[in-house]
Amino acid sequence: MQHYHAVVWLDHREARVFFFDRHSVDEVDIATRKPNHHLHHKKGSAAGKKQPEDQHFYHEIVDSMKPAKEWLIMGPGSAKLELVKHVHHHDKSLSDHIVGVETSDHPTDKQIVAHAREYFKAADAMRPQV
């Protein structure tokens, strides 16, 4: 089933993507990274710089969200902004799909979908769906 809206909650280790409408929800599993893989630490870098972003991880998220027309991106740290940057750089034609970016700690799946439904309820009232 194709849905108009999608929400992704992500951090640097995992991403959970949900497609939804008023009555149904479909989840897409994104492979999580290795438990000890962190982008924000400086360990192991001779220059003391953070590790580069994992573009494959962001490509996988974007590919999974393509069926939806509008995307809400949520998460606790900088990964959500890195995903936006990735879309603008690598998938510019999909930039218009991003309608919101929100900071969110570690909600349950039900909380993610409930928040996204409320978000899009307000956003949809402002513009027609095509």
C-alpha atoms as a PDB file:
ATOM      1  CA  MET A   1       0.000   0.000   0.000  1.00  0.00           C
ATOM      2  CA  GLN A   2       1.324   3.430  -0.875  1.00  0.00           C
ATOM      3  CA  HIS A   3       0.991   6.245   1.634  1.00  0.00           C
ATOM      4  CA  TYR A   4       1.266   9.966   1.137  1.00  0.00           C
ATOM      5  CA  HIS A   5       3.272  10.531   4.340  1.00  0.00           C
ATOM      6  CA  ALA A   6       6.401   8.999   5.848  1.00  0.00           C
ATOM      7  CA  VAL A   7       8.297   9.657   9.040  1.00  0.00           C
ATOM      8  CA  VAL A   8      11.809   8.542   9.859  1.00  0.00           C
ATOM      9  CA  TRP A   9      13.308   8.528  13.331  1.00  0.00           C
ATOM     10  CA  LEU A  10      17.061   8.147  13.242  1.00  0.00           C
ATOM     11  CA  ASP A  11      20.253   8.502  15.175  1.00  0.00           C
ATOM     12  CA  HIS A  12      23.742   7.526  14.089  1.00  0.00           C
ATOM     13  CA  ARG A  13      23.068   3.833  14.713  1.00  0.00           C
ATOM     14  CA  GLU A  14      19.551   3.102  13.525  1.00  0.00           C
ATOM     15  CA  ALA A  15      16.639   4.377  11.518  1.00  0.00           C
ATOM     16  CA  ARG A  16      12.966   3.491  11.704  1.00  0.00           C
ATOM     17  CA  VAL A  17      10.764   4.496   8.767  1.00  0.00           C
ATOM     18  CA  PHE A  18       6.966   4.484   8.897  1.00  0.00           C
ATOM     19  CA  PHE A  19       4.490   5.072   6.087  1.00  0.00           C
ATOM     20  CA  PHE A  20       1.052   5.978   7.342  1.00  0.00           C
ATOM     21  CA  ASP A  21      -2.351   7.472   6.811  1.00  0.00           C
ATOM     22  CA  ARG A  22      -5.234   7.996   9.225  1.00  0.00           C
ATOM     23  CA  HIS A  23      -5.964   4.311   9.591  1.00  0.00           C
ATOM     24  CA  SER A  24      -2.871   2.256   8.809  1.00  0.00           C
ATOM     25  CA  VAL A  25       0.885   2.125   9.316  1.00  0.00           C
ATOM     26  CA  ASP A  26       3.606   0.234   7.462  1.00  0.00           C
ATOM     27  CA  GLU A  27       7.128   0.012   8.864  1.00  0.00           C
ATOM     28  CA  VAL A  28      10.340  -0.354   6.892  1.00  0.00           C
ATOM     29  CA  ASP A  29      13.328  -1.827   8.679  1.00  0.00           C
ATOM     30  CA  ILE A  30      16.629  -0.080   8.045  1.00  0.00           C
ATOM     31  CA  ALA A  31      19.664  -2.139   8.940  1.00  0.00           C
ATOM     32  CA  THR A  32      21.242  -0.870  12.117  1.00  0.00           C
ATOM     33  CA  ARG A  33      24.930  -0.217  12.290  1.00  0.00           C
ATOM     34  CA  LYS A  34      27.397  -2.174  14.305  1.00  0.00           C
ATOM     35  CA  PRO A  35      26.840  -1.498  18.040  1.00  0.00           C
ATOM     36  CA  ASN A  36      30.281   0.076  18.501  1.00  0.00           C
ATOM     37  CA  HIS A  37      30.102   2.302  15.418  1.00  0.00           C
ATOM     38  CA  HIS A  38      29.795   5.942  16.508  1.00  0.00           C
ATOM     39  CA  LEU A  39      30.305   8.957  14.288  1.00  0.00           C
ATOM     40  CA  HIS A  40      30.675  11.454  17.084  1.00  0.00           C
ATOM     41  CA  HIS A  41      33.752  10.060  18.813  1.00  0.00           C
ATOM     42  CA  LYS A  42      37.288  11.150  17.986  1.00  0.00           C
ATOM     43  CA  LYS A  43      38.996   7.901  18.961  1.00  0.00           C
ATOM     44  CA  GLY A  44      41.144   6.359  16.252  1.00  0.00           C
ATOM     45  CA  SER A  45      41.614   9.531  14.271  1.00  0.00           C
ATOM     46  CA  ALA A  46      45.147  10.878  14.123  1.00  0.00           C
ATOM     47  CA  ALA A  47      43.820  14.389  13.554  1.00  0.00           C
ATOM     48  CA  GLY A  48      41.227  14.045  16.333  1.00  0.00           C
ATOM     49  CA  LYS A  49      38.384  14.706  13.901  1.00  0.00           C
ATOM     50  CA  LYS A  50      35.047  12.953  13.915  1.00  0.00           C
ATOM     51  CA  GLN A  51      34.532  10.068  11.530  1.00  0.00           C
ATOM     52  CA  PRO A  52      32.879  10.837   8.199  1.00  0.00           C
ATOM     53  CA  GLU A  53      29.152  10.367   7.774  1.00  0.00           C
ATOM     54  CA  ASP A  54      28.062   6.981   6.478  1.00  0.00           C
ATOM     55  CA  GLN A  55      26.564   7.914   3.106  1.00  0.00           C
ATOM     56  CA  HIS A  56      25.425   4.337   2.474  1.00  0.00           C
ATOM     57  CA  PHE A  57      23.266   4.517   5.628  1.00  0.00           C
ATOM     58  CA  TYR A  58      21.645   7.757   4.419  1.00  0.00           C
ATOM     59  CA  HIS A  59      21.166   6.391   0.875  1.00  0.00           C
ATOM     60  CA  GLU A  60      19.363   3.409   2.341  1.00  0.00           C
ATOM     61  CA  ILE A  61      17.030   5.660   4.341  1.00  0.00           C
ATOM     62  CA  VAL A  62      16.262   7.886   1.352  1.00  0.00           C
ATOM     63  CA  ASP A  63      15.616   4.886  -0.897  1.00  0.00           C
ATOM     64  CA  SER A  64      13.173   3.452   1.611  1.00  0.00           C
ATOM     65  CA  MET A  65      11.246   6.747   1.867  1.00  0.00           C
ATOM     66  CA  LYS A  66      10.926   7.438  -1.875  1.00  0.00           C
ATOM     67  CA  PRO A  67       7.372   6.048  -2.225  1.00  0.00           C
ATOM     68  CA  ALA A  68       5.959   8.796   0.047  1.00  0.00           C
ATOM     69  CA  LYS A  69       5.318  12.347  -1.166  1.00  0.00           C
ATOM     70  CA  GLU A  70       6.016  14.059   2.170  1.00  0.00           C
ATOM     71  CA  TRP A  71       8.624  13.209   4.777  1.00  0.00           C
ATOM     72  CA  LEU A  72       9.053  14.171   8.419  1.00  0.00           C
ATOM     73  CA  ILE A  73      12.557  13.584   9.796  1.00  0.00           C
ATOM     74  CA  MET A  74      12.970  13.100  13.548  1.00  0.00           C
ATOM     75  CA  GLY A  75      15.797  12.232  15.886  1.00  0.00           C
ATOM     76  CA  PRO A  76      17.751  13.194  19.003  1.00  0.00           C
ATOM     77  CA  GLY A  77      21.068  14.367  17.569  1.00  0.00           C
ATOM     78  CA  SER A  78      22.763  15.617  14.447  1.00  0.00           C
ATOM     79  CA  ALA A  79      21.967  12.580  12.271  1.00  0.00           C
ATOM     80  CA  LYS A  80      18.639  14.095  11.210  1.00  0.00           C
ATOM     81  CA  LEU A  81      20.401  17.215   9.920  1.00  0.00           C
ATOM     82  CA  GLU A  82      23.070  15.102   8.228  1.00  0.00           C
ATOM     83  CA  LEU A  83      20.268  13.227   6.442  1.00  0.00           C
ATOM     84  CA  VAL A  84      18.791  16.526   5.217  1.00  0.00           C
ATOM     85  CA  LYS A  85      22.239  17.606   4.028  1.00  0.00           C
ATOM     86  CA  HIS A  86      22.654  14.255   2.293  1.00  0.00           C
ATOM     87  CA  VAL A  87      19.332  14.664   0.443  1.00  0.00           C
ATOM     88  CA  HIS A  88      20.234  18.188  -0.686  1.00  0.00           C
ATOM     89  CA  HIS A  89      23.633  17.014  -1.912  1.00  0.00           C
ATOM     90  CA  HIS A  90      22.937  13.545  -3.354  1.00  0.00           C
ATOM     91  CA  ASP A  91      19.197  13.496  -4.097  1.00  0.00           C
ATOM     92  CA  LYS A  92      18.373  17.134  -4.782  1.00  0.00           C
ATOM     93  CA  SER A  93      15.200  16.230  -6.709  1.00  0.00           C
ATOM     94  CA  LEU A  94      13.804  14.758  -3.474  1.00  0.00           C
ATOM     95  CA  SER A  95      14.494  17.840  -1.331  1.00  0.00           C
ATOM     96  CA  ASP A  96      10.903  19.016  -1.678  1.00  0.00           C
ATOM     97  CA  HIS A  97       9.693  15.819  -0.029  1.00  0.00           C
ATOM     98  CA  ILE A  98      11.135  16.989   3.304  1.00  0.00           C
ATOM     99  CA  VAL A  99       8.423  19.032   5.003  1.00  0.00           C
ATOM    100  CA  GLY A 100       9.772  19.016   8.553  1.00  0.00           C
ATOM    101  CA  VAL A 101      12.695  18.219  10.814  1.00  0.00           C
ATOM    102  CA  GLU A 102      12.024  17.753  14.522  1.00  0.00           C
ATOM    103  CA  THR A 103      14.133  16.947  17.548  1.00  0.00           C
ATOM    104  CA  SER A 104      12.902  13.902  19.402  1.00  0.00           C
ATOM    105  CA  ASP A 105      14.532  11.831  22.112  1.00  0.00           C
ATOM    106  CA  HIS A 106      13.883   8.058  21.938  1.00  0.00           C
ATOM    107  CA  PRO A 107      10.134   7.575  21.524  1.00  0.00           C
ATOM    108  CA  THR A 108       8.352   4.292  20.972  1.00  0.00           C
ATOM    109  CA  ASP A 109       7.174   3.396  17.492  1.00  0.00           C
ATOM    110  CA  LYS A 110       3.598   4.319  18.455  1.00  0.00           C
ATOM    111  CA  GLN A 111       4.768   7.715  19.746  1.00  0.00           C
ATOM    112  CA  ILE A 112       6.667   8.408  16.509  1.00  0.00           C
ATOM    113  CA  VAL A 113       3.609   7.674  14.382  1.00  0.00           C
ATOM    114  CA  ALA A 114       1.255   9.602  16.700  1.00  0.00           C
ATOM    115  CA  HIS A 115       3.531  12.657  16.589  1.00  0.00           C
ATOM    116  CA  ALA A 116       3.851  12.439  12.809  1.00  0.00           C
ATOM    117  CA  ARG A 117       0.075  12.161  12.372  1.00  0.00           C
ATOM    118  CA  GLU A 118      -0.422  15.303  14.438  1.00  0.00           C
ATOM    119  CA  TYR A 119       2.343  17.089  12.558  1.00  0.00           C
ATOM    120  CA  PHE A 120       0.886  16.267   9.158  1.00  0.00           C
ATOM    121  CA  LYS A 121      -2.668  16.960  10.301  1.00  0.00           C
ATOM    122  CA  ALA A 122      -1.653  20.579  10.892  1.00  0.00           C
ATOM    123  CA  ALA A 123       0.533  20.732   7.774  1.00  0.00           C
ATOM    124  CA  ASP A 124      -2.170  19.201   5.546  1.00  0.00           C
ATOM    125  CA  ALA A 125      -4.675  21.788   6.672  1.00  0.00           C
ATOM    126  CA  MET A 126      -2.387  24.428   5.193  1.00  0.00           C
ATOM    127  CA  ARG A 127      -1.978  22.900   1.709  1.00  0.00           C
ATOM    128  CA  PRO A 128      -3.812  20.541  -0.646  1.00  0.00           C
ATOM    129  CA  GLN A 129      -2.576  17.010  -1.300  1.00  0.00           C
ATOM    130  CA  VAL A 130      -1.907  16.267  -4.967  1.00  0.00           C
END
